[in-house]
Amino acid sequence: MANIASNLFKIIGGIVLILITVWIGIVARSWGRATLDVVKGGVLITVILIGLVLIFLGLSDLKS
């Protein structure tokens, strides 16, 4: 029973956090633009880091 209550609390907490975030995004429109810029930058940095990891893996395999 405690497991069900814990899971239900997590679901309700997640829904509340999503609703608060959407409400802030609607009220403060500039936050939405800033969030989109952060996501775009995060994708770019992730691609760069994956490229670096692949380069290092390739160099490591060449040494072997």
N, C-alpha and C. Protein backbone atom coordinates (compact mmCIF):
# COMPACT_ATOMS: atom_id res chain seq x y z
N MET A 1 0.83 -1.19 0.00
CA MET A 1 0.00 0.00 0.00
C MET A 1 0.87 1.25 0.00
N ALA A 2 1.98 1.20 0.73
CA ALA A 2 2.85 2.38 0.79
C ALA A 2 3.50 2.63 -0.56
N ASN A 3 3.76 1.56 -1.32
CA ASN A 3 4.35 1.69 -2.63
C ASN A 3 3.41 2.42 -3.59
N ILE A 4 2.12 2.09 -3.52
CA ILE A 4 1.13 2.74 -4.37
C ILE A 4 1.02 4.22 -4.03
N ALA A 5 1.00 4.53 -2.75
CA ALA A 5 0.91 5.93 -2.32
C ALA A 5 2.14 6.71 -2.75
N SER A 6 3.30 6.10 -2.67
CA SER A 6 4.54 6.76 -3.08
C SER A 6 4.52 7.04 -4.58
N ASN A 7 4.10 6.06 -5.36
CA ASN A 7 4.03 6.25 -6.81
C ASN A 7 3.00 7.30 -7.19
N LEU A 8 1.87 7.30 -6.51
CA LEU A 8 0.83 8.29 -6.77
C LEU A 8 1.33 9.69 -6.43
N PHE A 9 2.07 9.82 -5.34
CA PHE A 9 2.64 11.11 -4.96
C PHE A 9 3.60 11.61 -6.03
N LYS A 10 4.41 10.71 -6.58
CA LYS A 10 5.35 11.08 -7.63
C LYS A 10 4.62 11.56 -8.88
N ILE A 11 3.55 10.87 -9.24
CA ILE A 11 2.78 11.25 -10.43
C ILE A 11 2.13 12.60 -10.24
N ILE A 12 1.50 12.81 -9.09
CA ILE A 12 0.84 14.09 -8.81
C ILE A 12 1.87 15.22 -8.74
N GLY A 13 3.02 14.95 -8.12
CA GLY A 13 4.08 15.95 -8.06
C GLY A 13 4.59 16.32 -9.44
N GLY A 14 4.74 15.33 -10.31
CA GLY A 14 5.17 15.59 -11.67
C GLY A 14 4.16 16.43 -12.44
N ILE A 15 2.90 16.12 -12.29
CA ILE A 15 1.85 16.88 -12.98
C ILE A 15 1.84 18.32 -12.48
N VAL A 16 1.97 18.51 -11.18
CA VAL A 16 1.98 19.87 -10.62
C VAL A 16 3.18 20.66 -11.16
N LEU A 17 4.36 20.04 -11.20
CA LEU A 17 5.54 20.74 -11.72
C LEU A 17 5.37 21.11 -13.18
N ILE A 18 4.79 20.21 -13.98
CA ILE A 18 4.56 20.51 -15.40
C ILE A 18 3.57 21.65 -15.55
N LEU A 19 2.50 21.64 -14.77
CA LEU A 19 1.50 22.71 -14.86
C LEU A 19 2.09 24.06 -14.46
N ILE A 20 2.91 24.08 -13.42
CA ILE A 20 3.54 25.33 -12.99
C ILE A 20 4.47 25.84 -14.07
N THR A 21 5.24 24.94 -14.68
CA THR A 21 6.17 25.35 -15.73
C THR A 21 5.43 25.90 -16.93
N VAL A 22 4.35 25.24 -17.36
CA VAL A 22 3.57 25.72 -18.50
C VAL A 22 2.95 27.07 -18.17
N TRP A 23 2.46 27.23 -16.96
CA TRP A 23 1.85 28.51 -16.57
C TRP A 23 2.88 29.64 -16.61
N ILE A 24 4.09 29.39 -16.12
CA ILE A 24 5.14 30.40 -16.16
C ILE A 24 5.50 30.72 -17.61
N GLY A 25 5.57 29.70 -18.46
CA GLY A 25 5.87 29.92 -19.87
C GLY A 25 4.82 30.76 -20.57
N ILE A 26 3.56 30.62 -20.17
CA ILE A 26 2.49 31.40 -20.79
C ILE A 26 2.51 32.84 -20.27
N VAL A 27 2.72 33.00 -18.97
CA VAL A 27 2.70 34.34 -18.38
C VAL A 27 3.91 35.16 -18.81
N ALA A 28 5.09 34.57 -18.74
CA ALA A 28 6.32 35.28 -19.09
C ALA A 28 6.83 34.72 -20.42
N ARG A 29 6.44 35.37 -21.52
CA ARG A 29 6.75 34.84 -22.85
C ARG A 29 8.26 34.84 -23.13
N SER A 30 8.99 35.76 -22.54
CA SER A 30 10.43 35.80 -22.80
C SER A 30 11.14 34.57 -22.23
N TRP A 31 10.57 33.95 -21.22
CA TRP A 31 11.17 32.74 -20.64
C TRP A 31 11.12 31.60 -21.65
N GLY A 32 10.05 31.55 -22.44
CA GLY A 32 9.94 30.50 -23.45
C GLY A 32 11.05 30.61 -24.49
N ARG A 33 11.34 31.84 -24.92
CA ARG A 33 12.42 32.06 -25.89
C ARG A 33 13.77 31.69 -25.28
N ALA A 34 13.99 32.07 -24.03
CA ALA A 34 15.25 31.74 -23.36
C ALA A 34 15.40 30.23 -23.19
N THR A 35 14.32 29.55 -22.87
CA THR A 35 14.36 28.10 -22.73
C THR A 35 14.70 27.44 -24.06
N LEU A 36 14.12 27.93 -25.13
CA LEU A 36 14.41 27.37 -26.45
C LEU A 36 15.87 27.58 -26.82
N ASP A 37 16.43 28.74 -26.49
CA ASP A 37 17.85 29.00 -26.75
C ASP A 37 18.75 28.05 -25.96
N VAL A 38 18.39 27.79 -24.71
CA VAL A 38 19.17 26.87 -23.88
C VAL A 38 19.12 25.45 -24.45
N VAL A 39 17.95 25.02 -24.90
CA VAL A 39 17.81 23.68 -25.47
C VAL A 39 18.64 23.57 -26.75
N LYS A 40 18.59 24.60 -27.59
CA LYS A 40 19.38 24.58 -28.83
C LYS A 40 20.88 24.51 -28.50
N GLY A 41 21.31 25.28 -27.53
CA GLY A 41 22.71 25.25 -27.13
C GLY A 41 23.10 23.91 -26.54
N GLY A 42 22.20 23.31 -25.78
CA GLY A 42 22.46 22.01 -25.19
C GLY A 42 22.60 20.93 -26.25
N VAL A 43 21.78 21.00 -27.28
CA VAL A 43 21.88 20.02 -28.37
C VAL A 43 23.21 20.19 -29.08
N LEU A 44 23.61 21.42 -29.33
CA LEU A 44 24.87 21.68 -30.01
C LEU A 44 26.06 21.16 -29.19
N ILE A 45 26.07 21.43 -27.91
CA ILE A 45 27.16 20.96 -27.05
C ILE A 45 27.16 19.44 -26.97
N THR A 46 25.99 18.82 -26.91
CA THR A 46 25.91 17.36 -26.86
C THR A 46 26.50 16.74 -28.12
N VAL A 47 26.19 17.31 -29.28
CA VAL A 47 26.74 16.78 -30.53
C VAL A 47 28.26 16.93 -30.55
N ILE A 48 28.76 18.07 -30.08
CA ILE A 48 30.21 18.28 -30.04
C ILE A 48 30.87 17.27 -29.10
N LEU A 49 30.29 17.04 -27.94
CA LEU A 49 30.87 16.08 -27.00
C LEU A 49 30.84 14.65 -27.55
N ILE A 50 29.77 14.28 -28.23
CA ILE A 50 29.70 12.95 -28.84
C ILE A 50 30.79 12.81 -29.90
N GLY A 51 31.00 13.87 -30.69
CA GLY A 51 32.06 13.85 -31.68
C GLY A 51 33.43 13.67 -31.04
N LEU A 52 33.67 14.38 -29.95
CA LEU A 52 34.96 14.23 -29.26
C LEU A 52 35.16 12.82 -28.71
N VAL A 53 34.11 12.25 -28.15
CA VAL A 53 34.20 10.89 -27.63
C VAL A 53 34.52 9.91 -28.76
N LEU A 54 33.88 10.09 -29.91
CA LEU A 54 34.15 9.21 -31.04
C LEU A 54 35.58 9.36 -31.52
N ILE A 55 36.10 10.59 -31.56
CA ILE A 55 37.49 10.80 -31.95
C ILE A 55 38.43 10.10 -30.99
N PHE A 56 38.21 10.26 -29.69
CA PHE A 56 39.07 9.62 -28.70
C PHE A 56 38.98 8.10 -28.77
N LEU A 57 37.79 7.57 -29.00
CA LEU A 57 37.65 6.13 -29.15
C LEU A 57 38.40 5.62 -30.39
N GLY A 58 38.31 6.38 -31.48
CA GLY A 58 39.02 5.99 -32.68
C GLY A 58 40.53 6.03 -32.48
N LEU A 59 41.03 7.06 -31.80
CA LEU A 59 42.45 7.15 -31.52
C LEU A 59 42.90 6.02 -30.60
N SER A 60 42.07 5.69 -29.64
CA SER A 60 42.38 4.61 -28.72
C SER A 60 42.46 3.28 -29.47
N ASP A 61 41.56 3.05 -30.41
CA ASP A 61 41.58 1.82 -31.19
C ASP A 61 42.79 1.75 -32.12
N LEU A 62 43.23 2.91 -32.61
CA LEU A 62 44.41 2.93 -33.48
C LEU A 62 45.67 2.55 -32.72
N LYS A 63 45.74 2.92 -31.43
CA LYS A 63 46.90 2.60 -30.61
C LYS A 63 47.02 1.09 -30.39
N SER A 64 45.87 0.45 -30.29
CA SER A 64 45.85 -0.99 -29.96
C SER A 64 46.32 -1.86 -31.10
